[in-house]
Amino acid sequence: MRLDGEALPKPQRHLYYVLNKPLGYTSTKRDPHASLTVTELLGDLGSRVYPVGRLDVDSSGLLLLSNDGDFAFQLTHPRHKVPKTYHVVVRGAMDPMAVRQLSTGIDLVDGRTAPAEVKVLATLPGGYGQPAKTEVEIVLREGKKRQVRRMCAAAGFPVLELTRVSMGPLTLGRLKTGKWRALTGEEVTALLRCAGGAGQEPTAKPPGEARQAGAKAKPKPRPRQGVPRARRAR
């Protein structure tokens, strides 16, 4: 395609991926201070993609990557309140009072946290001479920096392990650590709906989600060619 004799750039194909991020990788495209970045795990995709949100270098689990800026904005802006679920192991046996404190809100330096959903999954015995541990599920609808770690530390339960297991309707499923896959068109649409964009469609189909070639729309039925009433009266 040309305009005034010059070739026009091809429209960008939007890409959407989910990665099961391992520990030790930084959630950024490029960082001179990071030895490992998540985009290194994806290799050459033919187009640059960027992390949608962040996961700390010491955290693992579900991370989205895309080159669609609108998609990233919808899922990360605080006003859209997309739920993110974390499985967290903390030091100490978490009591009901701490669960209520985390659920109702914790005062941090940058403000009070919004209400969260907190559920104790298991209390784990500590090693010889070590305190017990607690595995907790925490669902957040906001995204302050290192929020889960700071919340738990403020409640007196430092985080030992942190894994994000879902974002909106999307879960890790059987995706192994360090592996990634393309999202389906249905998954992209479901994520956008969760962010309040009901009825929106991705601007381009993800890899493998091509439309049926040559599909024709059904013709609309023509209105009946009736005789006007005035003539019918004759």
Protein backbone atom coordinates (compact mmCIF):
# COMPACT_ATOMS: atom_id res chain seq x y z
CA MET A 1 0.00 0.00 0.00
CA ARG A 2 1.43 3.40 -1.01
CA LEU A 3 0.59 7.07 -0.45
CA ASP A 4 2.11 9.65 -2.82
CA GLY A 5 4.50 6.97 -3.99
CA GLU A 6 5.72 6.02 -0.50
CA ALA A 7 5.01 2.68 1.12
CA LEU A 8 2.78 2.93 4.17
CA PRO A 9 3.80 1.02 7.30
CA LYS A 10 1.86 -2.17 7.90
CA PRO A 11 -0.68 -1.98 10.75
CA GLN A 12 0.75 -3.44 13.95
CA ARG A 13 -0.44 -6.90 14.82
CA HIS A 14 -1.39 -7.04 18.48
CA LEU A 15 0.05 -9.91 20.48
CA TYR A 16 -1.10 -11.28 23.83
CA TYR A 17 0.80 -13.81 25.95
CA VAL A 18 0.70 -15.30 29.42
CA LEU A 19 3.93 -16.36 31.14
CA ASN A 20 4.49 -18.39 34.30
CA LYS A 21 7.31 -16.20 35.58
CA PRO A 22 10.13 -17.91 37.47
CA LEU A 23 11.99 -16.40 40.42
CA GLY A 24 14.97 -14.21 39.59
CA TYR A 25 13.53 -12.55 36.48
CA THR A 26 12.74 -8.83 36.33
CA SER A 27 9.37 -7.79 34.88
CA THR A 28 10.68 -5.33 32.32
CA LYS A 29 11.70 -5.20 28.68
CA ARG A 30 15.20 -3.91 29.40
CA ASP A 31 16.98 -3.06 32.66
CA PRO A 32 20.75 -2.38 32.86
CA HIS A 33 20.73 -3.47 36.51
CA ALA A 34 18.89 -6.76 35.92
CA SER A 35 20.76 -9.90 34.98
CA LEU A 36 17.59 -11.61 33.70
CA THR A 37 14.41 -10.12 32.20
CA VAL A 38 11.13 -11.88 31.43
CA THR A 39 11.24 -11.06 27.71
CA GLU A 40 14.35 -13.25 27.39
CA LEU A 41 12.10 -16.24 28.10
CA LEU A 42 9.93 -15.53 25.05
CA GLY A 43 12.71 -15.28 22.46
CA ASP A 44 12.14 -13.53 19.13
CA LEU A 45 8.41 -13.03 18.51
CA GLY A 46 8.85 -10.72 15.51
CA SER A 47 7.44 -7.80 17.53
CA ARG A 48 8.27 -6.28 20.89
CA VAL A 49 5.98 -7.07 23.79
CA TYR A 50 5.96 -5.55 27.26
CA PRO A 51 4.87 -6.79 30.70
CA VAL A 52 1.31 -5.83 31.65
CA GLY A 53 1.90 -4.81 35.27
CA ARG A 54 4.77 -6.17 37.31
CA LEU A 55 5.90 -9.05 39.47
CA ASP A 56 8.87 -8.56 41.79
CA VAL A 57 12.10 -10.33 40.96
CA ASP A 58 11.54 -12.47 44.10
CA SER A 59 7.96 -13.34 43.08
CA SER A 60 6.67 -15.87 40.55
CA GLY A 61 3.51 -16.73 38.67
CA LEU A 62 1.12 -15.28 36.13
CA LEU A 63 2.38 -12.36 34.06
CA LEU A 64 0.75 -10.97 30.91
CA LEU A 65 2.79 -9.52 28.05
CA SER A 66 1.46 -7.58 25.08
CA ASN A 67 2.18 -4.81 22.58
CA ASP A 68 -1.39 -3.48 22.92
CA GLY A 69 -1.23 -0.33 25.06
CA ASP A 70 -5.02 -0.03 25.45
CA PHE A 71 -5.21 -3.62 26.68
CA ALA A 72 -2.45 -2.97 29.25
CA PHE A 73 -4.17 0.22 30.45
CA GLN A 74 -7.52 -1.51 30.91
CA LEU A 75 -6.00 -4.26 33.05
CA THR A 76 -3.64 -2.18 35.19
CA HIS A 77 -5.44 1.10 35.90
CA PRO A 78 -6.68 1.11 39.54
CA ARG A 79 -10.18 2.33 38.63
CA HIS A 80 -10.89 -0.89 36.74
CA LYS A 81 -10.29 -3.01 39.87
CA VAL A 82 -9.25 -6.18 38.06
CA PRO A 83 -8.81 -8.88 40.75
CA LYS A 84 -5.37 -10.45 41.09
CA THR A 85 -5.02 -13.58 43.23
CA TYR A 86 -1.83 -14.48 45.08
CA HIS A 87 -0.80 -17.54 47.05
CA VAL A 88 1.57 -16.38 49.76
CA VAL A 89 3.63 -18.21 52.38
CA VAL A 90 4.38 -16.04 55.43
CA ARG A 91 6.43 -16.58 58.55
CA GLY A 92 4.32 -17.29 61.63
CA ALA A 93 0.90 -18.77 62.36
CA MET A 94 -1.53 -16.14 61.09
CA ASP A 95 -4.42 -15.55 63.48
CA PRO A 96 -7.99 -14.36 62.69
CA MET A 97 -7.17 -10.83 63.90
CA ALA A 98 -4.39 -10.50 61.31
CA VAL A 99 -6.72 -11.86 58.60
CA ARG A 100 -9.31 -9.19 59.48
CA GLN A 101 -6.62 -6.51 59.49
CA LEU A 102 -5.41 -7.48 56.03
CA SER A 103 -8.99 -7.78 54.76
CA THR A 104 -10.19 -4.36 55.92
CA GLY A 105 -7.04 -2.40 55.03
CA ILE A 106 -3.49 -1.70 56.17
CA ASP A 107 -1.98 1.76 56.63
CA LEU A 108 1.14 2.05 54.46
CA VAL A 109 3.43 5.01 53.77
CA ASP A 110 1.62 5.71 50.48
CA GLY A 111 -1.88 5.37 51.95
CA ARG A 112 -4.34 2.84 53.28
CA THR A 113 -4.87 -0.28 51.22
CA ALA A 114 -8.30 -1.08 49.80
CA PRO A 115 -10.25 -4.01 51.25
CA ALA A 116 -8.85 -7.38 50.14
CA GLU A 117 -10.06 -10.97 50.22
CA VAL A 118 -7.86 -13.00 52.58
CA LYS A 119 -8.19 -16.71 53.32
CA VAL A 120 -5.87 -19.01 55.25
CA LEU A 121 -5.15 -22.10 53.15
CA ALA A 122 -2.88 -24.02 55.49
CA THR A 123 -0.70 -23.71 58.59
CA LEU A 124 2.66 -25.36 57.99
CA PRO A 125 4.99 -26.55 60.76
CA GLY A 126 8.39 -24.89 60.88
CA GLY A 127 11.67 -26.76 60.79
CA TYR A 128 13.69 -27.59 63.88
CA GLY A 129 13.73 -24.49 66.06
CA GLN A 130 11.90 -22.47 63.36
CA PRO A 131 8.48 -20.77 63.66
CA ALA A 132 5.43 -22.09 61.84
CA LYS A 133 4.45 -20.83 58.41
CA THR A 134 1.05 -19.96 56.96
CA GLU A 135 -0.11 -20.28 53.37
CA VAL A 136 -2.61 -17.54 52.56
CA GLU A 137 -4.67 -16.60 49.50
CA ILE A 138 -4.92 -12.84 48.96
CA VAL A 139 -7.07 -11.19 46.27
CA LEU A 140 -6.28 -7.54 45.50
CA ARG A 141 -8.10 -5.05 43.27
CA GLU A 142 -5.41 -2.38 43.33
CA GLY A 143 -1.68 -2.36 42.63
CA LYS A 144 0.56 -0.47 45.01
CA LYS A 145 4.27 -1.22 44.68
CA ARG A 146 5.20 -4.48 46.43
CA GLN A 147 1.79 -4.28 48.10
CA VAL A 148 1.34 -7.88 49.28
CA ARG A 149 4.79 -7.96 50.86
CA ARG A 150 4.30 -4.61 52.61
CA MET A 151 0.80 -5.50 53.84
CA CYS A 152 1.92 -8.78 55.36
CA ALA A 153 5.04 -7.24 56.92
CA ALA A 154 2.93 -4.46 58.49
CA ALA A 155 0.65 -7.12 60.00
CA GLY A 156 3.68 -8.90 61.48
CA PHE A 157 3.94 -11.75 58.97
CA PRO A 158 6.90 -11.36 56.57
CA VAL A 159 6.47 -12.97 53.14
CA LEU A 160 8.65 -15.98 52.38
CA GLU A 161 7.10 -16.99 49.03
CA LEU A 162 4.72 -15.18 46.69
CA THR A 163 3.05 -16.52 43.55
CA ARG A 164 0.35 -14.86 41.43
CA VAL A 165 -2.06 -17.59 40.33
CA SER A 166 -4.73 -15.62 38.47
CA MET A 167 -5.66 -12.26 36.99
CA GLY A 168 -9.34 -11.66 36.41
CA PRO A 169 -10.77 -14.85 34.82
CA LEU A 170 -7.35 -16.04 33.62
CA THR A 171 -5.46 -18.69 35.62
CA LEU A 172 -2.12 -20.40 35.17
CA GLY A 173 -3.76 -23.77 34.68
CA ARG A 174 -1.12 -26.35 33.71
CA LEU A 175 1.38 -23.78 32.43
CA LYS A 176 4.75 -24.77 33.87
CA THR A 177 7.25 -22.38 35.42
CA GLY A 178 9.24 -20.55 32.75
CA LYS A 179 6.77 -21.47 29.99
CA TRP A 180 4.43 -19.18 28.04
CA ARG A 181 1.60 -19.38 25.53
CA ALA A 182 -0.52 -17.07 23.38
CA LEU A 183 -3.91 -16.03 24.73
CA THR A 184 -6.99 -16.99 22.75
CA GLY A 185 -9.37 -14.36 21.43
CA GLU A 186 -11.94 -15.51 24.00
CA GLU A 187 -9.43 -15.01 26.84
CA VAL A 188 -8.53 -11.49 25.67
CA THR A 189 -12.21 -10.55 25.44
CA ALA A 190 -12.93 -12.02 28.90
CA LEU A 191 -10.08 -10.00 30.43
CA LEU A 192 -11.36 -6.79 28.84
CA ARG A 193 -14.87 -7.48 30.11
CA CYS A 194 -13.49 -8.05 33.60
CA ALA A 195 -11.88 -4.60 33.35
CA GLY A 196 -15.25 -3.03 32.56
CA GLY A 197 -14.92 -3.10 28.77
CA ALA A 198 -17.95 -5.32 28.18
CA GLY A 199 -18.59 -5.90 24.53
CA GLN A 200 -15.09 -4.87 23.43
CA GLU A 201 -13.11 -7.07 21.09
CA PRO A 202 -9.32 -7.22 20.74
CA THR A 203 -8.06 -4.97 17.94
CA ALA A 204 -6.42 -8.00 16.33
CA LYS A 205 -6.87 -11.71 16.76
CA PRO A 206 -4.09 -13.36 18.80
CA PRO A 207 -1.93 -15.97 17.02
CA GLY A 208 -3.97 -19.01 16.04
CA GLU A 209 -7.29 -17.16 16.26
CA ALA A 210 -7.87 -16.36 12.58
CA ARG A 211 -11.33 -15.70 11.24
CA GLN A 212 -12.85 -18.10 8.74
CA ALA A 213 -11.69 -17.05 5.30
CA GLY A 214 -14.42 -16.29 2.79
CA ALA A 215 -17.23 -16.40 5.35
CA LYS A 216 -20.18 -14.42 4.04
CA ALA A 217 -22.78 -12.67 6.10
CA LYS A 218 -26.33 -13.95 5.74
CA PRO A 219 -28.36 -11.65 3.47
CA LYS A 220 -31.06 -9.66 5.22
CA PRO A 221 -34.62 -10.60 4.16
CA ARG A 222 -36.13 -8.13 1.74
CA PRO A 223 -39.35 -6.39 2.73
CA ARG A 224 -42.41 -7.79 1.03
CA GLN A 225 -43.53 -5.89 -2.03
CA GLY A 226 -47.07 -5.26 -0.89
CA VAL A 227 -49.68 -3.25 -2.76
CA PRO A 228 -50.47 0.17 -1.25
CA ARG A 229 -53.77 0.26 0.65
CA ALA A 230 -55.19 3.03 -1.52
CA ARG A 231 -54.81 0.88 -4.64
CA ARG A 232 -56.10 -2.19 -2.81
CA ALA A 233 -59.33 -0.36 -2.03
CA ARG A 234 -60.05 0.00 -5.74
